[in-house]
């Protein structure tokens, strides 16, 4: 299965919605697309909506961690939302929740970045 990535802007927040599988086959594409968007001056924060993400391996964890580092170096905030239980377990075991906040829905995640959605 492939991955579909949809990005949208909400003021100074980039919202990336992932649908499918984030693994070693798709990680480079996700990294490239998000990095290109983060290069725009108007982007300060990043929200990853994982509602339709069905699978993630260590390559996916690497993509998330790398974007977290990039966004925080820019002075922004990164949040995740709508995480399915299998993906949540992987993130919990990896320790990602020690640095990333998780929200139930996209609106809450965007608001946590200091922006009213």
PDB file of N, CA and C in Angstrom:
ATOM      1  N   UNK A   1       0.845  -1.187   0.000  1.00  0.00           N
ATOM      2  CA  UNK A   1       0.000   0.000   0.000  1.00  0.00           C
ATOM      3  C   UNK A   1       0.882   1.239   0.000  1.00  0.00           C
ATOM      4  N   UNK A   2       0.413   2.267  -0.608  1.00  0.00           N
ATOM      5  CA  UNK A   2       1.142   3.526  -0.718  1.00  0.00           C
ATOM      6  C   UNK A   2       0.693   4.497   0.358  1.00  0.00           C
ATOM      7  N   UNK A   3       1.190   5.692   0.240  1.00  0.00           N
ATOM      8  CA  UNK A   3       0.822   6.744   1.177  1.00  0.00           C
ATOM      9  C   UNK A   3       0.376   7.959   0.392  1.00  0.00           C
ATOM     10  N   UNK A   4      -0.708   8.552   0.832  1.00  0.00           N
ATOM     11  CA  UNK A   4      -1.166   9.817   0.265  1.00  0.00           C
ATOM     12  C   UNK A   4      -0.909  10.895   1.315  1.00  0.00           C
ATOM     13  N   UNK A   5      -0.298  11.989   0.894  1.00  0.00           N
ATOM     14  CA  UNK A   5       0.014  13.103   1.790  1.00  0.00           C
ATOM     15  C   UNK A   5      -0.694  14.347   1.289  1.00  0.00           C
ATOM     16  N   UNK A   6      -1.513  14.930   2.140  1.00  0.00           N
ATOM     17  CA  UNK A   6      -2.234  16.150   1.813  1.00  0.00           C
ATOM     18  C   UNK A   6      -1.759  17.233   2.772  1.00  0.00           C
ATOM     19  N   UNK A   7      -1.304  18.356   2.239  1.00  0.00           N
ATOM     20  CA  UNK A   7      -0.865  19.454   3.096  1.00  0.00           C
ATOM     21  C   UNK A   7      -1.750  20.669   2.875  1.00  0.00           C
ATOM     22  N   UNK A   8      -2.021  21.371   3.959  1.00  0.00           N
ATOM     23  CA  UNK A   8      -2.809  22.602   3.866  1.00  0.00           C
ATOM     24  C   UNK A   8      -2.231  23.598   4.863  1.00  0.00           C
ATOM     25  N   UNK A   9      -2.549  24.845   4.641  1.00  0.00           N
ATOM     26  CA  UNK A   9      -2.073  25.909   5.515  1.00  0.00           C
ATOM     27  C   UNK A   9      -3.228  26.466   6.321  1.00  0.00           C
ATOM     28  N   UNK A  10      -2.965  26.722   7.592  1.00  0.00           N
ATOM     29  CA  UNK A  10      -3.925  27.387   8.454  1.00  0.00           C
ATOM     30  C   UNK A  10      -3.154  28.486   9.174  1.00  0.00           C
ATOM     31  N   UNK A  11      -3.188  29.675   8.601  1.00  0.00           N
ATOM     32  CA  UNK A  11      -2.376  30.804   9.075  1.00  0.00           C
ATOM     33  C   UNK A  11      -0.905  30.403   9.009  1.00  0.00           C
ATOM     34  N   UNK A  12      -0.197  30.378  10.132  1.00  0.00           N
ATOM     35  CA  UNK A  12       1.222  30.023  10.090  1.00  0.00           C
ATOM     36  C   UNK A  12       1.477  28.567  10.477  1.00  0.00           C
ATOM     37  N   UNK A  13       0.432  27.736  10.365  1.00  0.00           N
ATOM     38  CA  UNK A  13       0.536  26.314  10.690  1.00  0.00           C
ATOM     39  C   UNK A  13       0.412  25.489   9.411  1.00  0.00           C
ATOM     40  N   UNK A  14       1.350  24.570   9.229  1.00  0.00           N
ATOM     41  CA  UNK A  14       1.265  23.603   8.141  1.00  0.00           C
ATOM     42  C   UNK A  14       0.614  22.352   8.710  1.00  0.00           C
ATOM     43  N   UNK A  15      -0.480  21.925   8.102  1.00  0.00           N
ATOM     44  CA  UNK A  15      -1.171  20.706   8.516  1.00  0.00           C
ATOM     45  C   UNK A  15      -0.916  19.650   7.447  1.00  0.00           C
ATOM     46  N   UNK A  16      -0.332  18.517   7.878  1.00  0.00           N
ATOM     47  CA  UNK A  16      -0.046  17.411   6.962  1.00  0.00           C
ATOM     48  C   UNK A  16      -0.906  16.221   7.365  1.00  0.00           C
ATOM     49  N   UNK A  17      -1.724  15.763   6.422  1.00  0.00           N
ATOM     50  CA  UNK A  17      -2.598  14.609   6.671  1.00  0.00           C
ATOM     51  C   UNK A  17      -2.024  13.401   5.934  1.00  0.00           C
ATOM     52  N   UNK A  18      -1.753  12.346   6.681  1.00  0.00           N
ATOM     53  CA  UNK A  18      -1.167  11.140   6.107  1.00  0.00           C
ATOM     54  C   UNK A  18      -2.217  10.043   6.017  1.00  0.00           C
ATOM     55  N   UNK A  19      -2.263   9.392   4.869  1.00  0.00           N
ATOM     56  CA  UNK A  19      -3.252   8.353   4.605  1.00  0.00           C
ATOM     57  C   UNK A  19      -2.529   7.161   3.974  1.00  0.00           C
ATOM     58  N   UNK A  20      -2.453   6.049   4.704  1.00  0.00           N
ATOM     59  CA  UNK A  20      -1.802   4.859   4.165  1.00  0.00           C
ATOM     60  C   UNK A  20      -0.712   4.348   5.089  1.00  0.00           C
ATOM     61  N   UNK A  21       0.458   4.082   4.503  1.00  0.00           N
ATOM     62  CA  UNK A  21       1.570   3.507   5.261  1.00  0.00           C
ATOM     63  C   UNK A  21       2.803   4.401   5.192  1.00  0.00           C
ATOM     64  N   UNK A  22       3.330   4.750   6.356  1.00  0.00           N
ATOM     65  CA  UNK A  22       4.557   5.538   6.439  1.00  0.00           C
ATOM     66  C   UNK A  22       5.679   4.575   6.809  1.00  0.00           C
ATOM     67  N   UNK A  23       6.410   4.143   5.777  1.00  0.00           N
ATOM     68  CA  UNK A  23       7.474   3.169   5.991  1.00  0.00           C
ATOM     69  C   UNK A  23       8.694   3.546   5.146  1.00  0.00           C
ATOM     70  N   UNK A  24       9.642   2.634   5.031  1.00  0.00           N
ATOM     71  CA  UNK A  24      10.867   2.948   4.293  1.00  0.00           C
ATOM     72  C   UNK A  24      10.610   3.217   2.811  1.00  0.00           C
ATOM     73  N   UNK A  25       9.480   2.787   2.288  1.00  0.00           N
ATOM     74  CA  UNK A  25       9.140   3.053   0.890  1.00  0.00           C
ATOM     75  C   UNK A  25       8.596   4.466   0.685  1.00  0.00           C
ATOM     76  N   UNK A  26       7.969   5.031   1.694  1.00  0.00           N
ATOM     77  CA  UNK A  26       7.292   6.321   1.540  1.00  0.00           C
ATOM     78  C   UNK A  26       7.923   7.455   2.346  1.00  0.00           C
ATOM     79  N   UNK A  27       8.826   7.133   3.249  1.00  0.00           N
ATOM     80  CA  UNK A  27       9.391   8.134   4.166  1.00  0.00           C
ATOM     81  C   UNK A  27      10.101   9.272   3.431  1.00  0.00           C
ATOM     82  N   UNK A  28      10.882   8.959   2.411  1.00  0.00           N
ATOM     83  CA  UNK A  28      11.628  10.000   1.693  1.00  0.00           C
ATOM     84  C   UNK A  28      10.686  11.009   1.043  1.00  0.00           C
ATOM     85  N   UNK A  29       9.591  10.529   0.477  1.00  0.00           N
ATOM     86  CA  UNK A  29       8.617  11.427  -0.155  1.00  0.00           C
ATOM     87  C   UNK A  29       7.984  12.360   0.883  1.00  0.00           C
ATOM     88  N   UNK A  30       7.579  11.800   2.020  1.00  0.00           N
ATOM     89  CA  UNK A  30       6.962  12.610   3.077  1.00  0.00           C
ATOM     90  C   UNK A  30       7.953  13.656   3.572  1.00  0.00           C
ATOM     91  N   UNK A  31       9.177  13.235   3.813  1.00  0.00           N
ATOM     92  CA  UNK A  31      10.222  14.152   4.279  1.00  0.00           C
ATOM     93  C   UNK A  31      10.414  15.294   3.282  1.00  0.00           C
ATOM     94  N   UNK A  32      10.504  14.966   1.985  1.00  0.00           N
ATOM     95  CA  UNK A  32      10.731  15.972   0.944  1.00  0.00           C
ATOM     96  C   UNK A  32       9.588  16.979   0.876  1.00  0.00           C
ATOM     97  N   UNK A  33       8.357  16.491   0.844  1.00  0.00           N
ATOM     98  CA  UNK A  33       7.201  17.384   0.715  1.00  0.00           C
ATOM     99  C   UNK A  33       7.094  18.311   1.926  1.00  0.00           C
ATOM    100  N   UNK A  34       7.214  17.761   3.122  1.00  0.00           N
ATOM    101  CA  UNK A  34       7.090  18.597   4.323  1.00  0.00           C
ATOM    102  C   UNK A  34       8.244  19.591   4.408  1.00  0.00           C
ATOM    103  N   UNK A  35       9.456  19.154   4.085  1.00  0.00           N
ATOM    104  CA  UNK A  35      10.602  20.073   4.111  1.00  0.00           C
ATOM    105  C   UNK A  35      10.407  21.230   3.139  1.00  0.00           C
ATOM    106  N   UNK A  36       9.908  20.940   1.949  1.00  0.00           N
ATOM    107  CA  UNK A  36       9.657  22.008   0.970  1.00  0.00           C
ATOM    108  C   UNK A  36       8.668  23.022   1.523  1.00  0.00           C
ATOM    109  N   UNK A  37       7.634  22.542   2.186  1.00  0.00           N
ATOM    110  CA  UNK A  37       6.637  23.446   2.771  1.00  0.00           C
ATOM    111  C   UNK A  37       7.219  24.236   3.949  1.00  0.00           C
ATOM    112  N   UNK A  38       8.068  23.592   4.745  1.00  0.00           N
ATOM    113  CA  UNK A  38       8.666  24.278   5.895  1.00  0.00           C
ATOM    114  C   UNK A  38       9.643  25.367   5.462  1.00  0.00           C
ATOM    115  N   UNK A  39      10.080  25.332   4.215  1.00  0.00           N
ATOM    116  CA  UNK A  39      10.989  26.359   3.712  1.00  0.00           C
ATOM    117  C   UNK A  39      10.291  27.691   3.441  1.00  0.00           C
ATOM    118  N   UNK A  40       8.955  27.692   3.428  1.00  0.00           N
ATOM    119  CA  UNK A  40       8.223  28.942   3.233  1.00  0.00           C
ATOM    120  C   UNK A  40       8.289  29.770   4.516  1.00  0.00           C
ATOM    121  N   UNK A  41       8.503  31.049   4.368  1.00  0.00           N
ATOM    122  CA  UNK A  41       8.663  31.934   5.526  1.00  0.00           C
ATOM    123  C   UNK A  41       7.437  31.995   6.424  1.00  0.00           C
ATOM    124  N   UNK A  42       6.268  31.770   5.875  1.00  0.00           N
ATOM    125  CA  UNK A  42       5.040  31.907   6.663  1.00  0.00           C
ATOM    126  C   UNK A  42       4.815  30.736   7.610  1.00  0.00           C
ATOM    127  N   UNK A  43       5.527  29.619   7.435  1.00  0.00           N
ATOM    128  CA  UNK A  43       5.314  28.436   8.270  1.00  0.00           C
ATOM    129  C   UNK A  43       6.107  28.543   9.568  1.00  0.00           C
ATOM    130  N   UNK A  44       5.412  28.400  10.685  1.00  0.00           N
ATOM    131  CA  UNK A  44       6.052  28.391  11.998  1.00  0.00           C
ATOM    132  C   UNK A  44       5.830  27.065  12.707  1.00  0.00           C
ATOM    133  N   UNK A  45       4.660  26.481  12.530  1.00  0.00           N
ATOM    134  CA  UNK A  45       4.265  25.281  13.275  1.00  0.00           C
ATOM    135  C   UNK A  45       3.860  24.160  12.321  1.00  0.00           C
ATOM    136  N   UNK A  46       3.862  22.922  12.855  1.00  0.00           N
ATOM    137  CA  UNK A  46       3.487  21.757  12.067  1.00  0.00           C
ATOM    138  C   UNK A  46       2.544  20.868  12.867  1.00  0.00           C
ATOM    139  N   UNK A  47       1.439  20.471  12.233  1.00  0.00           N
ATOM    140  CA  UNK A  47       0.504  19.507  12.806  1.00  0.00           C
ATOM    141  C   UNK A  47       0.474  18.295  11.880  1.00  0.00           C
ATOM    142  N   UNK A  48       0.693  17.116  12.437  1.00  0.00           N
ATOM    143  CA  UNK A  48       0.560  15.878  11.676  1.00  0.00           C
ATOM    144  C   UNK A  48      -0.758  15.220  12.061  1.00  0.00           C
ATOM    145  N   UNK A  49      -1.655  15.095  11.095  1.00  0.00           N
ATOM    146  CA  UNK A  49      -2.925  14.417  11.308  1.00  0.00           C
ATOM    147  C   UNK A  49      -2.743  12.977  10.827  1.00  0.00           C
ATOM    148  N   UNK A  50      -2.794  12.040  11.776  1.00  0.00           N
ATOM    149  CA  UNK A  50      -2.530  10.631  11.472  1.00  0.00           C
ATOM    150  C   UNK A  50      -3.800   9.776  11.492  1.00  0.00           C
ATOM    151  N   UNK A  51      -4.943  10.420  11.314  1.00  0.00           N
ATOM    152  CA  UNK A  51      -6.228   9.715  11.389  1.00  0.00           C
ATOM    153  C   UNK A  51      -6.303   8.519  10.440  1.00  0.00           C
ATOM    154  N   UNK A  52      -5.758   8.662   9.246  1.00  0.00           N
ATOM    155  CA  UNK A  52      -5.863   7.591   8.247  1.00  0.00           C
ATOM    156  C   UNK A  52      -4.557   6.842   8.047  1.00  0.00           C
ATOM    157  N   UNK A  53      -3.593   7.061   8.934  1.00  0.00           N
ATOM    158  CA  UNK A  53      -2.329   6.331   8.861  1.00  0.00           C
ATOM    159  C   UNK A  53      -2.558   4.923   9.404  1.00  0.00           C
ATOM    160  N   UNK A  54      -2.301   3.928   8.567  1.00  0.00           N
ATOM    161  CA  UNK A  54      -2.591   2.543   8.933  1.00  0.00           C
ATOM    162  C   UNK A  54      -1.381   1.769   9.427  1.00  0.00           C
ATOM    163  N   UNK A  55      -0.170   2.200   9.036  1.00  0.00           N
ATOM    164  CA  UNK A  55       1.038   1.486   9.409  1.00  0.00           C
ATOM    165  C   UNK A  55       2.196   2.468   9.464  1.00  0.00           C
ATOM    166  N   UNK A  56       3.123   2.229  10.388  1.00  0.00           N
ATOM    167  CA  UNK A  56       4.325   3.045  10.472  1.00  0.00           C
ATOM    168  C   UNK A  56       5.449   2.182  11.026  1.00  0.00           C
ATOM    169  N   UNK A  57       6.628   2.289  10.417  1.00  0.00           N
ATOM    170  CA  UNK A  57       7.798   1.584  10.933  1.00  0.00           C
ATOM    171  C   UNK A  57       8.818   2.607  11.441  1.00  0.00           C
ATOM    172  N   UNK A  58      10.028   2.152  11.713  1.00  0.00           N
ATOM    173  CA  UNK A  58      11.045   3.040  12.276  1.00  0.00           C
ATOM    174  C   UNK A  58      11.411   4.181  11.327  1.00  0.00           C
ATOM    175  N   UNK A  59      11.262   3.980  10.024  1.00  0.00           N
ATOM    176  CA  UNK A  59      11.517   5.070   9.071  1.00  0.00           C
ATOM    177  C   UNK A  59      10.511   6.199   9.283  1.00  0.00           C
ATOM    178  N   UNK A  60       9.278   5.837   9.573  1.00  0.00           N
ATOM    179  CA  UNK A  60       8.255   6.839   9.860  1.00  0.00           C
ATOM    180  C   UNK A  60       8.550   7.598  11.140  1.00  0.00           C
ATOM    181  N   UNK A  61       9.004   6.872  12.155  1.00  0.00           N
ATOM    182  CA  UNK A  61       9.402   7.536  13.404  1.00  0.00           C
ATOM    183  C   UNK A  61      10.526   8.528  13.139  1.00  0.00           C
ATOM    184  N   UNK A  62      11.457   8.144  12.277  1.00  0.00           N
ATOM    185  CA  UNK A  62      12.562   9.037  11.928  1.00  0.00           C
ATOM    186  C   UNK A  62      12.093  10.298  11.229  1.00  0.00           C
ATOM    187  N   UNK A  63      11.123  10.150  10.337  1.00  0.00           N
ATOM    188  CA  UNK A  63      10.558  11.320   9.645  1.00  0.00           C
ATOM    189  C   UNK A  63       9.929  12.269  10.667  1.00  0.00           C
ATOM    190  N   UNK A  64       9.155  11.723  11.575  1.00  0.00           N
ATOM    191  CA  UNK A  64       8.487  12.558  12.582  1.00  0.00           C
ATOM    192  C   UNK A  64       9.510  13.249  13.475  1.00  0.00           C
ATOM    193  N   UNK A  65      10.491  12.516  13.953  1.00  0.00           N
ATOM    194  CA  UNK A  65      11.511  13.101  14.823  1.00  0.00           C
ATOM    195  C   UNK A  65      12.310  14.183  14.098  1.00  0.00           C
ATOM    196  N   UNK A  66      12.650  13.928  12.849  1.00  0.00           N
ATOM    197  CA  UNK A  66      13.396  14.923  12.067  1.00  0.00           C
ATOM    198  C   UNK A  66      12.617  16.200  11.854  1.00  0.00           C
ATOM    199  N   UNK A  67      11.311  16.093  11.586  1.00  0.00           N
ATOM    200  CA  UNK A  67      10.493  17.300  11.400  1.00  0.00           C
ATOM    201  C   UNK A  67      10.334  18.025  12.732  1.00  0.00           C
ATOM    202  N   UNK A  68      10.236  17.270  13.827  1.00  0.00           N
ATOM    203  CA  UNK A  68      10.152  17.898  15.147  1.00  0.00           C
ATOM    204  C   UNK A  68      11.403  18.750  15.402  1.00  0.00           C
ATOM    205  N   UNK A  69      12.555  18.190  15.131  1.00  0.00           N
ATOM    206  CA  UNK A  69      13.802  18.943  15.331  1.00  0.00           C
ATOM    207  C   UNK A  69      13.827  20.196  14.469  1.00  0.00           C
ATOM    208  N   UNK A  70      13.417  20.059  13.221  1.00  0.00           N
ATOM    209  CA  UNK A  70      13.434  21.205  12.303  1.00  0.00           C
ATOM    210  C   UNK A  70      12.489  22.307  12.776  1.00  0.00           C
ATOM    211  N   UNK A  71      11.271  21.931  13.146  1.00  0.00           N
ATOM    212  CA  UNK A  71      10.279  22.925  13.564  1.00  0.00           C
ATOM    213  C   UNK A  71      10.722  23.625  14.849  1.00  0.00           C
ATOM    214  N   UNK A  72      11.255  22.879  15.807  1.00  0.00           N
ATOM    215  CA  UNK A  72      11.686  23.516  17.058  1.00  0.00           C
ATOM    216  C   UNK A  72      12.900  24.418  16.833  1.00  0.00           C
ATOM    217  N   UNK A  73      13.775  24.053  15.899  1.00  0.00           N
ATOM    218  CA  UNK A  73      14.901  24.927  15.570  1.00  0.00           C
ATOM    219  C   UNK A  73      14.429  26.233  14.948  1.00  0.00           C
ATOM    220  N   UNK A  74      13.269  26.199  14.280  1.00  0.00           N
ATOM    221  CA  UNK A  74      12.682  27.402  13.684  1.00  0.00           C
ATOM    222  C   UNK A  74      11.914  28.216  14.720  1.00  0.00           C
ATOM    223  N   UNK A  75      11.840  27.711  15.954  1.00  0.00           N
ATOM    224  CA  UNK A  75      11.100  28.403  16.997  1.00  0.00           C
ATOM    225  C   UNK A  75       9.630  28.064  17.022  1.00  0.00           C
ATOM    226  N   UNK A  76       9.234  27.019  16.317  1.00  0.00           N
ATOM    227  CA  UNK A  76       7.834  26.633  16.237  1.00  0.00           C
ATOM    228  C   UNK A  76       7.489  25.475  17.146  1.00  0.00           C
ATOM    229  N   UNK A  77       6.263  25.020  16.979  1.00  0.00           N
ATOM    230  CA  UNK A  77       5.729  23.920  17.776  1.00  0.00           C
ATOM    231  C   UNK A  77       5.182  22.864  16.821  1.00  0.00           C
ATOM    232  N   UNK A  78       5.332  21.608  17.200  1.00  0.00           N
ATOM    233  CA  UNK A  78       4.789  20.511  16.405  1.00  0.00           C
ATOM    234  C   UNK A  78       3.871  19.678  17.273  1.00  0.00           C
ATOM    235  N   UNK A  79       2.714  19.324  16.730  1.00  0.00           N
ATOM    236  CA  UNK A  79       1.761  18.479  17.440  1.00  0.00           C
ATOM    237  C   UNK A  79       1.285  17.378  16.490  1.00  0.00           C
ATOM    238  N   UNK A  80       0.687  16.343  17.066  1.00  0.00           N
ATOM    239  CA  UNK A  80       0.087  15.280  16.269  1.00  0.00           C
ATOM    240  C   UNK A  80      -1.351  15.096  16.735  1.00  0.00           C
ATOM    241  N   UNK A  81      -2.172  14.550  15.846  1.00  0.00           N
ATOM    242  CA  UNK A  81      -3.571  14.347  16.223  1.00  0.00           C
ATOM    243  C   UNK A  81      -4.163  13.125  15.543  1.00  0.00           C
ATOM    244  N   UNK A  82      -5.285  12.690  16.106  1.00  0.00           N
ATOM    245  CA  UNK A  82      -6.103  11.622  15.528  1.00  0.00           C
ATOM    246  C   UNK A  82      -5.302  10.342  15.283  1.00  0.00           C
ATOM    247  N   UNK A  83      -4.504   9.958  16.256  1.00  0.00           N
ATOM    248  CA  UNK A  83      -3.626   8.794  16.116  1.00  0.00           C
ATOM    249  C   UNK A  83      -4.410   7.508  16.404  1.00  0.00           C
ATOM    250  N   UNK A  84      -4.314   6.551  15.499  1.00  0.00           N
ATOM    251  CA  UNK A  84      -4.972   5.258  15.665  1.00  0.00           C
ATOM    252  C   UNK A  84      -4.214   4.412  16.702  1.00  0.00           C
ATOM    253  N   UNK A  85      -4.908   3.535  17.426  1.00  0.00           N
ATOM    254  CA  UNK A  85      -4.276   2.761  18.505  1.00  0.00           C
ATOM    255  C   UNK A  85      -2.984   2.020  18.139  1.00  0.00           C
ATOM    256  N   UNK A  86      -2.889   1.334  16.995  1.00  0.00           N
ATOM    257  CA  UNK A  86      -1.622   0.652  16.693  1.00  0.00           C
ATOM    258  C   UNK A  86      -0.445   1.620  16.524  1.00  0.00           C
ATOM    259  N   UNK A  87      -0.710   2.773  15.898  1.00  0.00           N
ATOM    260  CA  UNK A  87       0.332   3.789  15.707  1.00  0.00           C
ATOM    261  C   UNK A  87       0.665   4.431  17.048  1.00  0.00           C
ATOM    262  N   UNK A  88      -0.344   4.651  17.866  1.00  0.00           N
ATOM    263  CA  UNK A  88      -0.127   5.232  19.191  1.00  0.00           C
ATOM    264  C   UNK A  88       0.789   4.335  20.028  1.00  0.00           C
ATOM    265  N   UNK A  89       0.609   3.030  19.942  1.00  0.00           N
ATOM    266  CA  UNK A  89       1.465   2.098  20.691  1.00  0.00           C
ATOM    267  C   UNK A  89       2.922   2.210  20.258  1.00  0.00           C
ATOM    268  N   UNK A  90       3.152   2.290  18.954  1.00  0.00           N
ATOM    269  CA  UNK A  90       4.512   2.434  18.434  1.00  0.00           C
ATOM    270  C   UNK A  90       5.136   3.732  18.944  1.00  0.00           C
ATOM    271  N   UNK A  91       4.362   4.808  18.899  1.00  0.00           N
ATOM    272  CA  UNK A  91       4.879   6.107  19.356  1.00  0.00           C
ATOM    273  C   UNK A  91       5.149   6.084  20.861  1.00  0.00           C
ATOM    274  N   UNK A  92       4.282   5.441  21.605  1.00  0.00           N
ATOM    275  CA  UNK A  92       4.466   5.339  23.055  1.00  0.00           C
ATOM    276  C   UNK A  92       5.742   4.566  23.369  1.00  0.00           C
ATOM    277  N   UNK A  93       5.939   3.433  22.713  1.00  0.00           N
ATOM    278  CA  UNK A  93       7.127   2.619  22.958  1.00  0.00           C
ATOM    279  C   UNK A  93       8.410   3.351  22.565  1.00  0.00           C
ATOM    280  N   UNK A  94       8.338   4.195  21.545  1.00  0.00           N
ATOM    281  CA  UNK A  94       9.520   4.918  21.078  1.00  0.00           C
ATOM    282  C   UNK A  94       9.858   6.124  21.953  1.00  0.00           C
ATOM    283  N   UNK A  95       8.908   6.540  22.789  1.00  0.00           N
ATOM    284  CA  UNK A  95       9.139   7.706  23.638  1.00  0.00           C
ATOM    285  C   UNK A  95       8.793   9.032  22.993  1.00  0.00           C
ATOM    286  N   UNK A  96       8.167   9.009  21.811  1.00  0.00           N
ATOM    287  CA  UNK A  96       7.838  10.266  21.127  1.00  0.00           C
ATOM    288  C   UNK A  96       6.903  11.166  21.937  1.00  0.00           C
ATOM    289  N   UNK A  97       6.056  10.560  22.765  1.00  0.00           N
ATOM    290  CA  UNK A  97       5.117  11.382  23.528  1.00  0.00           C
ATOM    291  C   UNK A  97       5.797  12.169  24.646  1.00  0.00           C
ATOM    292  N   UNK A  98       7.069  11.913  24.876  1.00  0.00           N
ATOM    293  CA  UNK A  98       7.817  12.716  25.842  1.00  0.00           C
ATOM    294  C   UNK A  98       8.130  14.088  25.265  1.00  0.00           C
ATOM    295  N   UNK A  99       8.141  14.187  23.933  1.00  0.00           N
ATOM    296  CA  UNK A  99       8.458  15.473  23.301  1.00  0.00           C
ATOM    297  C   UNK A  99       7.309  16.039  22.477  1.00  0.00           C
ATOM    298  N   UNK A 100       6.378  15.189  22.059  1.00  0.00           N
ATOM    299  CA  UNK A 100       5.260  15.628  21.217  1.00  0.00           C
ATOM    300  C   UNK A 100       3.939  15.518  21.952  1.00  0.00           C
ATOM    301  N   UNK A 101       3.104  16.540  21.793  1.00  0.00           N
ATOM    302  CA  UNK A 101       1.752  16.488  22.345  1.00  0.00           C
ATOM    303  C   UNK A 101       0.825  15.853  21.325  1.00  0.00           C
ATOM    304  N   UNK A 102      -0.085  15.010  21.823  1.00  0.00           N
ATOM    305  CA  UNK A 102      -1.071  14.366  20.968  1.00  0.00           C
ATOM    306  C   UNK A 102      -2.454  14.920  21.311  1.00  0.00           C
ATOM    307  N   UNK A 103      -3.251  15.183  20.265  1.00  0.00           N
ATOM    308  CA  UNK A 103      -4.596  15.711  20.437  1.00  0.00           C
ATOM    309  C   UNK A 103      -5.595  14.814  19.727  1.00  0.00           C
ATOM    310  N   UNK A 104      -6.839  14.867  20.181  1.00  0.00           N
ATOM    311  CA  UNK A 104      -7.890  14.022  19.623  1.00  0.00           C
ATOM    312  C   UNK A 104      -8.288  14.431  18.211  1.00  0.00           C
ATOM    313  N   UNK A 105      -8.196  15.732  17.922  1.00  0.00           N
ATOM    314  CA  UNK A 105      -8.631  16.190  16.602  1.00  0.00           C
ATOM    315  C   UNK A 105      -7.724  17.301  16.087  1.00  0.00           C
ATOM    316  N   UNK A 106      -7.841  17.564  14.808  1.00  0.00           N
ATOM    317  CA  UNK A 106      -6.986  18.541  14.135  1.00  0.00           C
ATOM    318  C   UNK A 106      -7.185  19.957  14.674  1.00  0.00           C
ATOM    319  N   UNK A 107      -8.401  20.323  14.933  1.00  0.00           N
ATOM    320  CA  UNK A 107      -8.691  21.663  15.444  1.00  0.00           C
ATOM    321  C   UNK A 107      -7.973  21.919  16.769  1.00  0.00           C
ATOM    322  N   UNK A 108      -7.998  20.940  17.667  1.00  0.00           N
ATOM    323  CA  UNK A 108      -7.315  21.078  18.960  1.00  0.00           C
ATOM    324  C   UNK A 108      -5.805  21.161  18.775  1.00  0.00           C
ATOM    325  N   UNK A 109      -5.270  20.376  17.843  1.00  0.00           N
ATOM    326  CA  UNK A 109      -3.830  20.384  17.585  1.00  0.00           C
ATOM    327  C   UNK A 109      -3.371  21.730  17.027  1.00  0.00           C
ATOM    328  N   UNK A 110      -4.177  22.291  16.122  1.00  0.00           N
ATOM    329  CA  UNK A 110      -3.846  23.605  15.547  1.00  0.00           C
ATOM    330  C   UNK A 110      -3.953  24.673  16.636  1.00  0.00           C
ATOM    331  N   UNK A 111      -4.981  24.612  17.444  1.00  0.00           N
ATOM    332  CA  UNK A 111      -5.154  25.588  18.537  1.00  0.00           C
ATOM    333  C   UNK A 111      -3.989  25.531  19.522  1.00  0.00           C
ATOM    334  N   UNK A 112      -3.467  24.332  19.768  1.00  0.00           N
ATOM    335  CA  UNK A 112      -2.344  24.177  20.702  1.00  0.00           C
ATOM    336  C   UNK A 112      -1.078  24.874  20.191  1.00  0.00           C
ATOM    337  N   UNK A 113      -1.050  25.136  18.897  1.00  0.00           N
ATOM    338  CA  UNK A 113       0.083  25.857  18.324  1.00  0.00           C
ATOM    339  C   UNK A 113      -0.077  27.374  18.510  1.00  0.00           C
ATOM    340  N   UNK A 114      -1.151  27.758  19.178  1.00  0.00           N
ATOM    341  CA  UNK A 114      -1.384  29.177  19.440  1.00  0.00           C
ATOM    342  C   UNK A 114      -2.159  29.868  18.334  1.00  0.00           C
ATOM    343  N   UNK A 115      -2.832  29.076  17.503  1.00  0.00           N
ATOM    344  CA  UNK A 115      -3.579  29.621  16.372  1.00  0.00           C
ATOM    345  C   UNK A 115      -5.013  29.146  16.452  1.00  0.00           C
ATOM    346  N   UNK A 116      -5.940  30.055  16.386  1.00  0.00           N
ATOM    347  CA  UNK A 116      -7.359  29.668  16.351  1.00  0.00           C
ATOM    348  C   UNK A 116      -7.674  29.126  14.968  1.00  0.00           C
ATOM    349  N   UNK A 117      -8.245  27.921  14.927  1.00  0.00           N
ATOM    350  CA  UNK A 117      -8.523  27.309  13.610  1.00  0.00           C
ATOM    351  C   UNK A 117      -9.845  27.763  13.045  1.00  0.00           C
TER     352      UNK A 117
END
